[in-house]
Amino acid sequence: MKAILYQFSINPSCAKLRKLLHYKGVDFDTIEVDYLERKDLPDGLTVPAFALPGGETITDWEPIALRIEELYPEPTVLPPDLRGIHLALSRYMDSEIEEALVRLATPDEIAHFRRLGHEHEAFFRLVREREYGVGFCDRMERESAANRERASRLLSPFEEALHGKAFILGRIGLADFALYGQLHSLAISGELKLPAEFPNLRLFFERIDRISSDLTGVA
C-alpha cells in the first residue's frame, strides 16, 4: 500500500511536497481534490494532506516534511549542522515570501480559475477575501506594479545567494524545496513569470522542477 498525497496541483505547499517526496524516492500516489466539492478529502482535513500506509495522516507543509525526513532520512534535507538554518529559512519562505507572492500571483490565479468556469472563480475569490478582506482580489489587480516591486525586493537576497551555487546553502535542503514551492505560484500559467533580473532563481526553479520519481537524490 502506498502513501497518498491529497493535493491541489497548483498549491505551493503541494508542489514542494511532491518534489520533496520524489527527491526522497518515496513511492506515493496523488489524489487531486476537486476544488469546489472536495469530496475526496478525508473529513476535516485541508490540502496538503499526507496519508501514510499505516493509517497516520498529517496536514500542512512543515509537519509533513519533518515526518518524511524522520521516516525517510536519506538523502537528508536537514543536515544536522544546517538544520536550524533550513527550518528558519523555510518558515521565512512561508511567511514573508508567501505573502508577497500571493499578492503578486493573485491576478494570474483569478485568470486561471476564470478559465475553469464562473463557479471556480467565485469560490477562489471567496477563499482569498475571507483570508485577506473584501475587495482583496480586485485590489491586487490594481496594485500589480507595487506587488511586483515588493516581491523583487524580497527575492533579491536569494538571487544573490544562488550566484555560483545550485542551491541556497550550497547543498540541497528543506529551504530549497520551500522556495521552489513559493515560486511555483508564479508558474500557474505554465510559464514561470520571473523578471529578467532573476536568472539564478529561474535556473534554480528549473533545477528543482526537474526532480521526478525517475531522478532522485539530486546532489
N, C-alpha and C. Protein backbone atom coordinates (compact mmCIF):
# COMPACT_ATOMS: atom_id res chain seq x y z
N MET A 1 0.84 -1.20 0.00
CA MET A 1 0.00 0.00 0.00
C MET A 1 0.88 1.25 0.00
N LYS A 2 0.55 2.20 -0.86
CA LYS A 2 1.35 3.41 -0.99
C LYS A 2 0.84 4.53 -0.09
N ALA A 3 1.73 5.48 0.20
CA ALA A 3 1.31 6.73 0.82
C ALA A 3 0.50 7.52 -0.21
N ILE A 4 -0.34 8.43 0.29
CA ILE A 4 -1.19 9.23 -0.60
C ILE A 4 -1.04 10.70 -0.24
N LEU A 5 -0.80 11.53 -1.26
CA LEU A 5 -0.78 12.98 -1.10
C LEU A 5 -2.08 13.54 -1.68
N TYR A 6 -2.92 14.10 -0.81
CA TYR A 6 -4.12 14.79 -1.26
C TYR A 6 -3.73 16.22 -1.60
N GLN A 7 -4.05 16.65 -2.82
CA GLN A 7 -3.48 17.91 -3.28
C GLN A 7 -4.42 18.70 -4.18
N PHE A 8 -4.12 20.01 -4.29
CA PHE A 8 -4.46 20.82 -5.44
C PHE A 8 -3.14 20.98 -6.17
N SER A 9 -3.05 20.62 -7.42
CA SER A 9 -1.75 20.59 -8.09
C SER A 9 -1.09 21.96 -8.15
N ILE A 10 -1.89 23.05 -8.14
CA ILE A 10 -1.29 24.39 -8.23
C ILE A 10 -0.93 24.97 -6.87
N ASN A 11 -1.28 24.29 -5.80
CA ASN A 11 -1.00 24.80 -4.46
C ASN A 11 0.50 24.75 -4.18
N PRO A 12 1.13 25.86 -3.73
CA PRO A 12 2.57 25.88 -3.49
C PRO A 12 3.05 24.81 -2.53
N SER A 13 2.31 24.57 -1.44
CA SER A 13 2.72 23.55 -0.48
C SER A 13 2.67 22.15 -1.08
N CYS A 14 1.68 21.91 -1.93
CA CYS A 14 1.59 20.61 -2.60
C CYS A 14 2.73 20.45 -3.59
N ALA A 15 3.07 21.52 -4.29
CA ALA A 15 4.15 21.46 -5.28
C ALA A 15 5.47 21.11 -4.63
N LYS A 16 5.78 21.74 -3.50
CA LYS A 16 7.07 21.46 -2.87
C LYS A 16 7.09 20.08 -2.21
N LEU A 17 5.94 19.61 -1.73
CA LEU A 17 5.89 18.26 -1.16
C LEU A 17 6.09 17.20 -2.23
N ARG A 18 5.51 17.41 -3.41
CA ARG A 18 5.72 16.45 -4.50
C ARG A 18 7.20 16.31 -4.81
N LYS A 19 7.89 17.45 -4.91
CA LYS A 19 9.32 17.40 -5.23
C LYS A 19 10.13 16.79 -4.09
N LEU A 20 9.77 17.09 -2.85
CA LEU A 20 10.46 16.50 -1.71
C LEU A 20 10.30 14.98 -1.71
N LEU A 21 9.09 14.51 -1.96
CA LEU A 21 8.83 13.07 -1.98
C LEU A 21 9.59 12.39 -3.12
N HIS A 22 9.62 13.02 -4.27
CA HIS A 22 10.40 12.47 -5.39
C HIS A 22 11.89 12.43 -5.05
N TYR A 23 12.37 13.51 -4.44
CA TYR A 23 13.79 13.57 -4.07
C TYR A 23 14.16 12.44 -3.11
N LYS A 24 13.25 12.17 -2.18
CA LYS A 24 13.48 11.11 -1.19
C LYS A 24 13.27 9.70 -1.76
N GLY A 25 12.70 9.63 -2.96
CA GLY A 25 12.43 8.33 -3.54
C GLY A 25 11.25 7.62 -2.92
N VAL A 26 10.31 8.38 -2.35
CA VAL A 26 9.14 7.79 -1.70
C VAL A 26 8.12 7.36 -2.76
N ASP A 27 7.61 6.15 -2.62
CA ASP A 27 6.59 5.64 -3.52
C ASP A 27 5.23 6.13 -3.01
N PHE A 28 4.57 6.99 -3.78
CA PHE A 28 3.30 7.56 -3.31
C PHE A 28 2.38 7.81 -4.49
N ASP A 29 1.10 7.91 -4.18
CA ASP A 29 0.09 8.30 -5.17
C ASP A 29 -0.42 9.69 -4.82
N THR A 30 -0.95 10.39 -5.81
CA THR A 30 -1.60 11.67 -5.55
C THR A 30 -3.09 11.54 -5.85
N ILE A 31 -3.88 12.24 -5.06
CA ILE A 31 -5.31 12.37 -5.34
C ILE A 31 -5.59 13.86 -5.50
N GLU A 32 -6.01 14.24 -6.70
CA GLU A 32 -6.33 15.64 -6.98
C GLU A 32 -7.72 15.92 -6.42
N VAL A 33 -7.77 16.75 -5.40
CA VAL A 33 -9.03 17.07 -4.73
C VAL A 33 -9.81 18.07 -5.58
N ASP A 34 -11.08 17.82 -5.78
CA ASP A 34 -11.92 18.75 -6.53
C ASP A 34 -11.98 20.08 -5.79
N TYR A 35 -11.66 21.16 -6.49
CA TYR A 35 -11.55 22.47 -5.84
C TYR A 35 -12.86 22.92 -5.22
N LEU A 36 -13.97 22.57 -5.85
CA LEU A 36 -15.27 23.01 -5.34
C LEU A 36 -15.86 22.03 -4.34
N GLU A 37 -15.91 20.75 -4.67
CA GLU A 37 -16.61 19.79 -3.82
C GLU A 37 -15.74 19.22 -2.71
N ARG A 38 -14.47 18.96 -3.01
CA ARG A 38 -13.51 18.44 -2.03
C ARG A 38 -13.97 17.13 -1.41
N LYS A 39 -14.75 16.37 -2.17
CA LYS A 39 -15.33 15.13 -1.62
C LYS A 39 -14.29 14.03 -1.40
N ASP A 40 -13.14 14.13 -2.11
CA ASP A 40 -12.11 13.10 -1.96
C ASP A 40 -11.25 13.31 -0.71
N LEU A 41 -11.39 14.46 -0.08
CA LEU A 41 -10.55 14.78 1.07
C LEU A 41 -11.17 14.23 2.35
N PRO A 42 -10.39 13.50 3.16
CA PRO A 42 -10.93 13.00 4.43
C PRO A 42 -11.53 14.12 5.26
N ASP A 43 -12.58 13.81 6.00
CA ASP A 43 -13.33 14.82 6.76
C ASP A 43 -12.42 15.65 7.65
N GLY A 44 -12.63 16.97 7.59
CA GLY A 44 -11.94 17.89 8.49
C GLY A 44 -10.53 18.24 8.08
N LEU A 45 -10.03 17.69 6.98
CA LEU A 45 -8.65 17.94 6.57
C LEU A 45 -8.59 18.98 5.46
N THR A 46 -7.43 19.61 5.33
CA THR A 46 -7.18 20.55 4.26
C THR A 46 -5.97 20.07 3.46
N VAL A 47 -5.80 20.59 2.26
CA VAL A 47 -4.62 20.22 1.48
C VAL A 47 -3.45 21.14 1.86
N PRO A 48 -2.24 20.62 1.82
CA PRO A 48 -1.91 19.23 1.54
C PRO A 48 -2.19 18.33 2.75
N ALA A 49 -2.63 17.11 2.46
CA ALA A 49 -2.76 16.08 3.49
C ALA A 49 -1.99 14.86 3.00
N PHE A 50 -1.23 14.25 3.90
CA PHE A 50 -0.38 13.12 3.53
C PHE A 50 -0.77 11.93 4.38
N ALA A 51 -1.29 10.90 3.71
CA ALA A 51 -1.75 9.69 4.41
C ALA A 51 -0.71 8.59 4.26
N LEU A 52 -0.21 8.11 5.38
CA LEU A 52 0.79 7.03 5.37
C LEU A 52 0.09 5.67 5.35
N PRO A 53 0.78 4.64 4.84
CA PRO A 53 0.15 3.32 4.74
C PRO A 53 -0.39 2.78 6.06
N GLY A 54 0.21 3.15 7.18
CA GLY A 54 -0.24 2.63 8.47
C GLY A 54 -1.47 3.30 9.02
N GLY A 55 -1.99 4.32 8.33
CA GLY A 55 -3.20 4.99 8.78
C GLY A 55 -2.98 6.40 9.30
N GLU A 56 -1.73 6.80 9.54
CA GLU A 56 -1.43 8.15 10.02
C GLU A 56 -1.62 9.15 8.89
N THR A 57 -2.30 10.26 9.19
CA THR A 57 -2.49 11.33 8.21
C THR A 57 -2.02 12.64 8.82
N ILE A 58 -1.22 13.38 8.06
CA ILE A 58 -0.61 14.63 8.53
C ILE A 58 -1.01 15.73 7.57
N THR A 59 -1.21 16.94 8.09
CA THR A 59 -1.51 18.09 7.25
C THR A 59 -0.46 19.17 7.46
N ASP A 60 -0.39 20.06 6.50
CA ASP A 60 0.50 21.23 6.50
C ASP A 60 1.93 20.85 6.11
N TRP A 61 2.56 21.78 5.41
CA TRP A 61 3.88 21.56 4.83
C TRP A 61 4.93 21.13 5.84
N GLU A 62 5.16 21.91 6.89
CA GLU A 62 6.28 21.59 7.77
C GLU A 62 6.08 20.28 8.54
N PRO A 63 4.92 20.03 9.16
CA PRO A 63 4.75 18.74 9.84
C PRO A 63 4.92 17.55 8.89
N ILE A 64 4.42 17.69 7.66
CA ILE A 64 4.58 16.59 6.69
C ILE A 64 6.05 16.42 6.34
N ALA A 65 6.74 17.53 6.07
CA ALA A 65 8.15 17.46 5.68
C ALA A 65 9.00 16.84 6.78
N LEU A 66 8.73 17.22 8.04
CA LEU A 66 9.51 16.67 9.15
C LEU A 66 9.24 15.18 9.33
N ARG A 67 8.00 14.76 9.12
CA ARG A 67 7.67 13.34 9.25
C ARG A 67 8.33 12.54 8.12
N ILE A 68 8.34 13.11 6.93
CA ILE A 68 9.00 12.45 5.80
C ILE A 68 10.49 12.30 6.09
N GLU A 69 11.10 13.35 6.62
CA GLU A 69 12.54 13.29 6.95
C GLU A 69 12.80 12.22 8.01
N GLU A 70 11.87 12.08 8.96
CA GLU A 70 12.02 11.07 10.01
C GLU A 70 11.91 9.65 9.45
N LEU A 71 10.94 9.45 8.57
CA LEU A 71 10.69 8.11 8.03
C LEU A 71 11.66 7.74 6.91
N TYR A 72 12.09 8.75 6.17
CA TYR A 72 12.99 8.52 5.02
C TYR A 72 14.20 9.44 5.17
N PRO A 73 15.12 9.10 6.07
CA PRO A 73 16.20 10.04 6.42
C PRO A 73 17.24 10.26 5.33
N GLU A 74 17.30 9.39 4.35
CA GLU A 74 18.28 9.56 3.27
C GLU A 74 17.59 9.63 1.90
N PRO A 75 18.04 10.57 1.08
CA PRO A 75 19.01 11.63 1.35
C PRO A 75 18.38 12.71 2.23
N THR A 76 19.14 13.20 3.18
CA THR A 76 18.61 14.16 4.13
C THR A 76 18.38 15.53 3.50
N VAL A 77 17.38 16.23 4.00
CA VAL A 77 17.19 17.64 3.64
C VAL A 77 17.39 18.54 4.85
N LEU A 78 17.77 17.91 5.97
CA LEU A 78 18.04 18.65 7.21
C LEU A 78 19.35 18.14 7.82
N PRO A 79 20.49 18.42 7.17
CA PRO A 79 21.77 18.01 7.75
C PRO A 79 21.94 18.64 9.12
N PRO A 80 22.44 17.91 10.11
CA PRO A 80 22.49 18.39 11.50
C PRO A 80 23.11 19.78 11.66
N ASP A 81 24.18 20.07 10.92
CA ASP A 81 24.86 21.35 11.09
C ASP A 81 24.09 22.52 10.47
N LEU A 82 23.09 22.22 9.64
CA LEU A 82 22.32 23.28 8.97
C LEU A 82 20.82 23.18 9.25
N ARG A 83 20.44 22.29 10.16
CA ARG A 83 19.01 22.05 10.42
C ARG A 83 18.29 23.35 10.82
N GLY A 84 18.83 24.07 11.77
CA GLY A 84 18.18 25.29 12.25
C GLY A 84 18.05 26.34 11.16
N ILE A 85 19.08 26.48 10.34
CA ILE A 85 19.05 27.47 9.26
C ILE A 85 18.00 27.09 8.23
N HIS A 86 17.94 25.82 7.88
CA HIS A 86 16.94 25.38 6.90
C HIS A 86 15.52 25.60 7.43
N LEU A 87 15.29 25.29 8.70
CA LEU A 87 13.95 25.49 9.26
C LEU A 87 13.59 26.97 9.31
N ALA A 88 14.55 27.81 9.70
CA ALA A 88 14.30 29.25 9.76
C ALA A 88 14.00 29.82 8.37
N LEU A 89 14.78 29.41 7.39
CA LEU A 89 14.55 29.89 6.02
C LEU A 89 13.22 29.39 5.48
N SER A 90 12.89 28.13 5.75
CA SER A 90 11.62 27.58 5.29
C SER A 90 10.45 28.36 5.87
N ARG A 91 10.53 28.70 7.15
CA ARG A 91 9.44 29.45 7.80
C ARG A 91 9.37 30.88 7.25
N TYR A 92 10.51 31.45 6.90
CA TYR A 92 10.53 32.78 6.28
C TYR A 92 9.85 32.72 4.90
N MET A 93 10.15 31.67 4.15
CA MET A 93 9.50 31.50 2.84
C MET A 93 7.98 31.43 3.00
N ASP A 94 7.55 30.74 4.05
CA ASP A 94 6.12 30.51 4.25
C ASP A 94 5.41 31.67 4.94
N SER A 95 6.14 32.72 5.23
CA SER A 95 5.51 33.91 5.82
C SER A 95 5.75 35.11 4.90
N GLU A 96 6.93 35.69 4.95
CA GLU A 96 7.20 36.91 4.19
C GLU A 96 7.14 36.68 2.67
N ILE A 97 7.83 35.65 2.20
CA ILE A 97 7.85 35.40 0.76
C ILE A 97 6.47 34.98 0.26
N GLU A 98 5.80 34.12 1.01
CA GLU A 98 4.46 33.68 0.60
C GLU A 98 3.50 34.85 0.50
N GLU A 99 3.51 35.73 1.50
CA GLU A 99 2.58 36.86 1.48
C GLU A 99 2.81 37.73 0.25
N ALA A 100 4.08 37.99 -0.06
CA ALA A 100 4.39 38.83 -1.22
C ALA A 100 3.98 38.16 -2.53
N LEU A 101 4.25 36.86 -2.65
CA LEU A 101 3.95 36.18 -3.90
C LEU A 101 2.47 35.87 -4.06
N VAL A 102 1.75 35.70 -2.95
CA VAL A 102 0.29 35.56 -3.03
C VAL A 102 -0.30 36.81 -3.68
N ARG A 103 0.18 37.97 -3.24
CA ARG A 103 -0.32 39.23 -3.79
C ARG A 103 0.04 39.36 -5.28
N LEU A 104 1.26 39.00 -5.61
CA LEU A 104 1.70 39.11 -7.00
C LEU A 104 0.98 38.12 -7.90
N ALA A 105 0.73 36.92 -7.40
CA ALA A 105 0.16 35.85 -8.24
C ALA A 105 -1.35 35.92 -8.36
N THR A 106 -2.03 36.66 -7.49
CA THR A 106 -3.49 36.64 -7.46
C THR A 106 -4.14 36.95 -8.82
N PRO A 107 -3.71 37.96 -9.57
CA PRO A 107 -4.34 38.19 -10.88
C PRO A 107 -4.24 37.00 -11.82
N ASP A 108 -3.09 36.33 -11.86
CA ASP A 108 -2.96 35.14 -12.71
C ASP A 108 -3.82 34.00 -12.20
N GLU A 109 -3.95 33.89 -10.88
CA GLU A 109 -4.80 32.84 -10.32
C GLU A 109 -6.26 33.09 -10.65
N ILE A 110 -6.68 34.35 -10.60
CA ILE A 110 -8.05 34.68 -10.99
C ILE A 110 -8.30 34.27 -12.44
N ALA A 111 -7.34 34.59 -13.31
CA ALA A 111 -7.48 34.24 -14.73
C ALA A 111 -7.55 32.72 -14.91
N HIS A 112 -6.75 32.00 -14.12
CA HIS A 112 -6.75 30.53 -14.19
C HIS A 112 -8.12 29.98 -13.82
N PHE A 113 -8.66 30.42 -12.69
CA PHE A 113 -9.95 29.89 -12.25
C PHE A 113 -11.10 30.38 -13.12
N ARG A 114 -10.93 31.55 -13.72
CA ARG A 114 -11.96 32.04 -14.66
C ARG A 114 -12.06 31.10 -15.86
N ARG A 115 -10.92 30.60 -16.32
CA ARG A 115 -10.94 29.66 -17.45
C ARG A 115 -11.65 28.36 -17.09
N LEU A 116 -11.63 28.01 -15.79
CA LEU A 116 -12.30 26.79 -15.35
C LEU A 116 -13.80 26.96 -15.17
N GLY A 117 -14.25 28.21 -15.15
CA GLY A 117 -15.68 28.47 -15.02
C GLY A 117 -15.99 29.46 -13.92
N HIS A 118 -17.18 30.04 -14.01
CA HIS A 118 -17.58 31.09 -13.08
C HIS A 118 -17.56 30.61 -11.63
N GLU A 119 -18.04 29.38 -11.38
CA GLU A 119 -18.10 28.89 -10.01
C GLU A 119 -16.70 28.78 -9.39
N HIS A 120 -15.73 28.34 -10.20
CA HIS A 120 -14.36 28.22 -9.70
C HIS A 120 -13.79 29.60 -9.35
N GLU A 121 -14.01 30.56 -10.24
CA GLU A 121 -13.50 31.91 -9.97
C GLU A 121 -14.17 32.50 -8.73
N ALA A 122 -15.48 32.34 -8.62
CA ALA A 122 -16.21 32.91 -7.48
C ALA A 122 -15.73 32.28 -6.17
N PHE A 123 -15.51 30.97 -6.19
CA PHE A 123 -15.06 30.31 -4.97
C PHE A 123 -13.64 30.74 -4.60
N PHE A 124 -12.77 30.88 -5.61
CA PHE A 124 -11.41 31.36 -5.35
C PHE A 124 -11.45 32.75 -4.71
N ARG A 125 -12.26 33.63 -5.28
CA ARG A 125 -12.38 34.98 -4.71
C ARG A 125 -12.89 34.92 -3.28
N LEU A 126 -13.87 34.07 -3.03
CA LEU A 126 -14.41 33.93 -1.68
C LEU A 126 -13.33 33.51 -0.69
N VAL A 127 -12.54 32.49 -1.07
CA VAL A 127 -11.48 31.99 -0.19
C VAL A 127 -10.44 33.07 0.08
N ARG A 128 -9.99 33.75 -0.98
CA ARG A 128 -8.98 34.80 -0.82
C ARG A 128 -9.50 35.94 0.06
N GLU A 129 -10.74 36.36 -0.18
CA GLU A 129 -11.26 37.53 0.53
C GLU A 129 -11.69 37.19 1.94
N ARG A 130 -11.95 35.93 2.20
CA ARG A 130 -12.20 35.50 3.57
C ARG A 130 -10.92 35.65 4.40
N GLU A 131 -9.78 35.41 3.74
CA GLU A 131 -8.50 35.48 4.44
C GLU A 131 -7.93 36.89 4.47
N TYR A 132 -8.08 37.64 3.37
CA TYR A 132 -7.40 38.93 3.24
C TYR A 132 -8.33 40.14 3.25
N GLY A 133 -9.63 39.91 3.26
CA GLY A 133 -10.55 41.04 3.32
C GLY A 133 -11.29 41.27 2.01
N VAL A 134 -12.48 41.86 2.13
CA VAL A 134 -13.32 42.15 0.97
C VAL A 134 -12.59 43.10 0.02
N GLY A 135 -12.65 42.78 -1.26
CA GLY A 135 -12.02 43.63 -2.27
C GLY A 135 -10.57 43.30 -2.55
N PHE A 136 -10.03 42.29 -1.85
CA PHE A 136 -8.60 41.97 -1.99
C PHE A 136 -8.25 41.63 -3.44
N CYS A 137 -9.03 40.79 -4.09
CA CYS A 137 -8.68 40.33 -5.44
C CYS A 137 -8.62 41.48 -6.43
N ASP A 138 -9.64 42.34 -6.41
CA ASP A 138 -9.63 43.48 -7.32
C ASP A 138 -8.49 44.44 -7.00
N ARG A 139 -8.20 44.59 -5.73
CA ARG A 139 -7.10 45.49 -5.33
C ARG A 139 -5.76 44.96 -5.82
N MET A 140 -5.57 43.65 -5.78
CA MET A 140 -4.30 43.08 -6.24
C MET A 140 -4.10 43.30 -7.73
N GLU A 141 -5.19 43.32 -8.50
CA GLU A 141 -5.06 43.62 -9.93
C GLU A 141 -4.66 45.07 -10.14
N ARG A 142 -5.16 45.96 -9.32
CA ARG A 142 -4.80 47.38 -9.45
C ARG A 142 -3.38 47.64 -8.96
N GLU A 143 -2.92 46.86 -7.97
CA GLU A 143 -1.63 47.13 -7.33
C GLU A 143 -0.52 46.22 -7.84
N SER A 144 -0.67 45.70 -9.05
CA SER A 144 0.29 44.70 -9.55
C SER A 144 1.71 45.26 -9.63
N ALA A 145 1.88 46.51 -10.01
CA ALA A 145 3.22 47.09 -10.13
C ALA A 145 3.90 47.17 -8.76
N ALA A 146 3.16 47.62 -7.75
CA ALA A 146 3.72 47.71 -6.40
C ALA A 146 4.02 46.32 -5.85
N ASN A 147 3.15 45.37 -6.14
CA ASN A 147 3.37 44.00 -5.66
C ASN A 147 4.60 43.38 -6.33
N ARG A 148 4.80 43.69 -7.60
CA ARG A 148 5.98 43.18 -8.31
C ARG A 148 7.26 43.77 -7.70
N GLU A 149 7.21 45.04 -7.36
CA GLU A 149 8.38 45.69 -6.76
C GLU A 149 8.69 45.08 -5.39
N ARG A 150 7.66 44.84 -4.59
CA ARG A 150 7.88 44.27 -3.26
C ARG A 150 8.44 42.85 -3.37
N ALA A 151 7.86 42.05 -4.26
CA ALA A 151 8.34 40.68 -4.43
C ALA A 151 9.79 40.67 -4.89
N SER A 152 10.13 41.56 -5.80
CA SER A 152 11.51 41.63 -6.30
C SER A 152 12.47 41.97 -5.18
N ARG A 153 12.06 42.88 -4.32
CA ARG A 153 12.93 43.28 -3.20
C ARG A 153 13.18 42.10 -2.25
N LEU A 154 12.16 41.30 -1.99
CA LEU A 154 12.30 40.17 -1.07
C LEU A 154 13.04 38.99 -1.70
N LEU A 155 12.94 38.86 -3.02
CA LEU A 155 13.60 37.75 -3.70
C LEU A 155 15.07 38.04 -4.02
N SER A 156 15.44 39.31 -4.04
CA SER A 156 16.81 39.69 -4.43
C SER A 156 17.89 39.00 -3.60
N PRO A 157 17.74 38.89 -2.26
CA PRO A 157 18.79 38.20 -1.49
C PRO A 157 18.99 36.75 -1.91
N PHE A 158 17.92 36.09 -2.35
CA PHE A 158 18.05 34.70 -2.77
C PHE A 158 18.68 34.61 -4.16
N GLU A 159 18.41 35.59 -5.00
CA GLU A 159 19.11 35.67 -6.28
C GLU A 159 20.62 35.79 -6.05
N GLU A 160 21.00 36.63 -5.09
CA GLU A 160 22.42 36.80 -4.77
C GLU A 160 23.00 35.53 -4.14
N ALA A 161 22.24 34.91 -3.25
CA ALA A 161 22.72 33.70 -2.57
C ALA A 161 22.97 32.56 -3.56
N LEU A 162 22.25 32.56 -4.66
CA LEU A 162 22.37 31.48 -5.64
C LEU A 162 23.43 31.76 -6.70
N HIS A 163 24.11 32.89 -6.58
CA HIS A 163 25.17 33.20 -7.54
C HIS A 163 26.30 32.17 -7.42
N GLY A 164 26.54 31.45 -8.49
CA GLY A 164 27.61 30.45 -8.49
C GLY A 164 27.28 29.19 -7.70
N LYS A 165 26.01 29.05 -7.25
CA LYS A 165 25.62 27.87 -6.47
C LYS A 165 24.33 27.28 -7.03
N ALA A 166 24.21 25.97 -6.89
CA ALA A 166 22.99 25.31 -7.36
C ALA A 166 21.84 25.48 -6.38
N PHE A 167 22.17 25.56 -5.07
CA PHE A 167 21.15 25.63 -4.03
C PHE A 167 21.52 26.71 -3.02
N ILE A 168 20.56 27.11 -2.20
CA ILE A 168 20.72 28.29 -1.35
C ILE A 168 21.94 28.19 -0.45
N LEU A 169 22.10 27.05 0.21
CA LEU A 169 23.22 26.87 1.14
C LEU A 169 24.31 25.98 0.54
N GLY A 170 24.28 25.82 -0.76
CA GLY A 170 25.30 25.03 -1.43
C GLY A 170 24.87 23.61 -1.75
N ARG A 171 24.21 22.98 -0.77
CA ARG A 171 23.71 21.61 -0.94
C ARG A 171 22.20 21.63 -0.74
N ILE A 172 21.50 20.86 -1.53
CA ILE A 172 20.04 20.89 -1.48
C ILE A 172 19.52 20.55 -0.08
N GLY A 173 18.50 21.29 0.35
CA GLY A 173 17.91 21.07 1.66
C GLY A 173 16.49 21.59 1.72
N LEU A 174 15.90 21.56 2.90
CA LEU A 174 14.49 21.91 3.07
C LEU A 174 14.17 23.30 2.54
N ALA A 175 15.06 24.26 2.78
CA ALA A 175 14.80 25.64 2.35
C ALA A 175 14.65 25.74 0.84
N ASP A 176 15.37 24.90 0.11
CA ASP A 176 15.27 24.93 -1.35
C ASP A 176 13.89 24.48 -1.82
N PHE A 177 13.36 23.44 -1.18
CA PHE A 177 12.02 22.99 -1.54
C PHE A 177 10.98 24.04 -1.15
N ALA A 178 11.20 24.71 -0.02
CA ALA A 178 10.27 25.75 0.42
C ALA A 178 10.25 26.91 -0.58
N LEU A 179 11.42 27.33 -1.04
CA LEU A 179 11.49 28.42 -2.01
C LEU A 179 10.87 27.99 -3.34
N TYR A 180 11.17 26.79 -3.78
CA TYR A 180 10.58 26.28 -5.02
C TYR A 180 9.05 26.36 -4.96
N GLY A 181 8.48 25.94 -3.83
CA GLY A 181 7.02 25.95 -3.70
C GLY A 181 6.44 27.34 -3.84
N GLN A 182 7.08 28.32 -3.22
CA GLN A 182 6.56 29.68 -3.33
C GLN A 182 6.69 30.21 -4.75
N LEU A 183 7.81 29.93 -5.40
CA LEU A 183 7.98 30.37 -6.79
C LEU A 183 6.96 29.68 -7.71
N HIS A 184 6.54 28.49 -7.33
CA HIS A 184 5.58 27.74 -8.14
C HIS A 184 4.28 28.52 -8.33
N SER A 185 3.95 29.39 -7.38
CA SER A 185 2.73 30.19 -7.51
C SER A 185 2.81 31.16 -8.69
N LEU A 186 4.04 31.45 -9.15
CA LEU A 186 4.22 32.35 -10.30
C LEU A 186 4.22 31.58 -11.62
N ALA A 187 3.98 30.28 -11.57
CA ALA A 187 4.01 29.45 -12.78
C ALA A 187 2.65 28.84 -13.08
N ILE A 188 1.59 29.44 -12.58
CA ILE A 188 0.26 28.86 -12.75
C ILE A 188 -0.15 28.82 -14.22
N SER A 189 0.41 29.73 -15.02
CA SER A 189 0.10 29.76 -16.45
C SER A 189 0.86 28.70 -17.23
N GLY A 190 1.78 28.01 -16.56
CA GLY A 190 2.63 27.04 -17.23
C GLY A 190 4.01 27.58 -17.51
N GLU A 191 4.19 28.88 -17.32
CA GLU A 191 5.48 29.53 -17.53
C GLU A 191 5.82 30.34 -16.28
N LEU A 192 7.05 30.19 -15.79
CA LEU A 192 7.47 30.92 -14.59
C LEU A 192 7.59 32.40 -14.91
N LYS A 193 6.77 33.23 -14.26
CA LYS A 193 6.78 34.66 -14.53
C LYS A 193 7.70 35.38 -13.54
N LEU A 194 9.00 35.27 -13.83
CA LEU A 194 10.01 35.97 -13.04
C LEU A 194 10.65 37.03 -13.91
N PRO A 195 10.92 38.22 -13.36
CA PRO A 195 11.60 39.25 -14.14
C PRO A 195 12.97 38.79 -14.61
N ALA A 196 13.46 39.42 -15.67
CA ALA A 196 14.73 39.02 -16.28
C ALA A 196 15.92 39.16 -15.33
N GLU A 197 15.77 40.03 -14.31
CA GLU A 197 16.90 40.24 -13.40
C GLU A 197 17.10 39.11 -12.39
N PHE A 198 16.35 38.02 -12.55
CA PHE A 198 16.50 36.88 -11.64
C PHE A 198 16.91 35.60 -12.38
N PRO A 199 18.02 35.63 -13.11
CA PRO A 199 18.43 34.42 -13.85
C PRO A 199 18.80 33.26 -12.94
N ASN A 200 19.39 33.55 -11.78
CA ASN A 200 19.78 32.47 -10.87
C ASN A 200 18.56 31.78 -10.28
N LEU A 201 17.54 32.56 -9.94
CA LEU A 201 16.31 31.97 -9.40
C LEU A 201 15.59 31.15 -10.46
N ARG A 202 15.62 31.61 -11.69
CA ARG A 202 14.99 30.85 -12.77
C ARG A 202 15.68 29.50 -12.96
N LEU A 203 17.01 29.51 -12.99
CA LEU A 203 17.75 28.26 -13.12
C LEU A 203 17.51 27.34 -11.92
N PHE A 204 17.43 27.95 -10.73
CA PHE A 204 17.16 27.19 -9.51
C PHE A 204 15.79 26.51 -9.60
N PHE A 205 14.78 27.26 -10.02
CA PHE A 205 13.43 26.70 -10.14
C PHE A 205 13.42 25.54 -11.13
N GLU A 206 14.07 25.74 -12.26
CA GLU A 206 14.11 24.68 -13.28
C GLU A 206 14.84 23.45 -12.76
N ARG A 207 15.87 23.67 -11.96
CA ARG A 207 16.66 22.55 -11.40
C ARG A 207 15.79 21.70 -10.48
N ILE A 208 15.05 22.36 -9.57
CA ILE A 208 14.17 21.62 -8.67
C ILE A 208 13.01 20.99 -9.45
N ASP A 209 12.52 21.72 -10.44
CA ASP A 209 11.38 21.25 -11.21
C ASP A 209 11.68 19.96 -11.96
N ARG A 210 12.95 19.72 -12.26
CA ARG A 210 13.33 18.51 -12.99
C ARG A 210 13.38 17.27 -12.10
N ILE A 211 13.34 17.45 -10.78
CA ILE A 211 13.34 16.30 -9.88
C ILE A 211 12.05 15.52 -10.08
N SER A 212 12.17 14.23 -10.32
CA SER A 212 10.99 13.39 -10.52
C SER A 212 11.24 12.04 -9.88
N SER A 213 10.24 11.18 -9.98
CA SER A 213 10.39 9.84 -9.40
C SER A 213 11.48 9.05 -10.11
N ASP A 214 11.88 9.51 -11.30
CA ASP A 214 12.95 8.84 -12.03
C ASP A 214 14.31 9.47 -11.79
N LEU A 215 14.33 10.57 -11.01
CA LEU A 215 15.58 11.30 -10.78
C LEU A 215 15.61 11.75 -9.34
N THR A 216 16.01 10.87 -8.45
CA THR A 216 16.01 11.17 -7.03
C THR A 216 17.42 11.47 -6.57
N GLY A 217 17.51 12.06 -5.37
CA GLY A 217 18.81 12.28 -4.74
C GLY A 217 19.71 13.21 -5.52
N VAL A 218 19.18 14.32 -6.05
CA VAL A 218 19.99 15.29 -6.78
C VAL A 218 21.05 15.86 -5.85
N ALA A 219 22.27 15.97 -6.31
CA ALA A 219 23.36 16.46 -5.46
C ALA A 219 23.25 17.95 -5.23
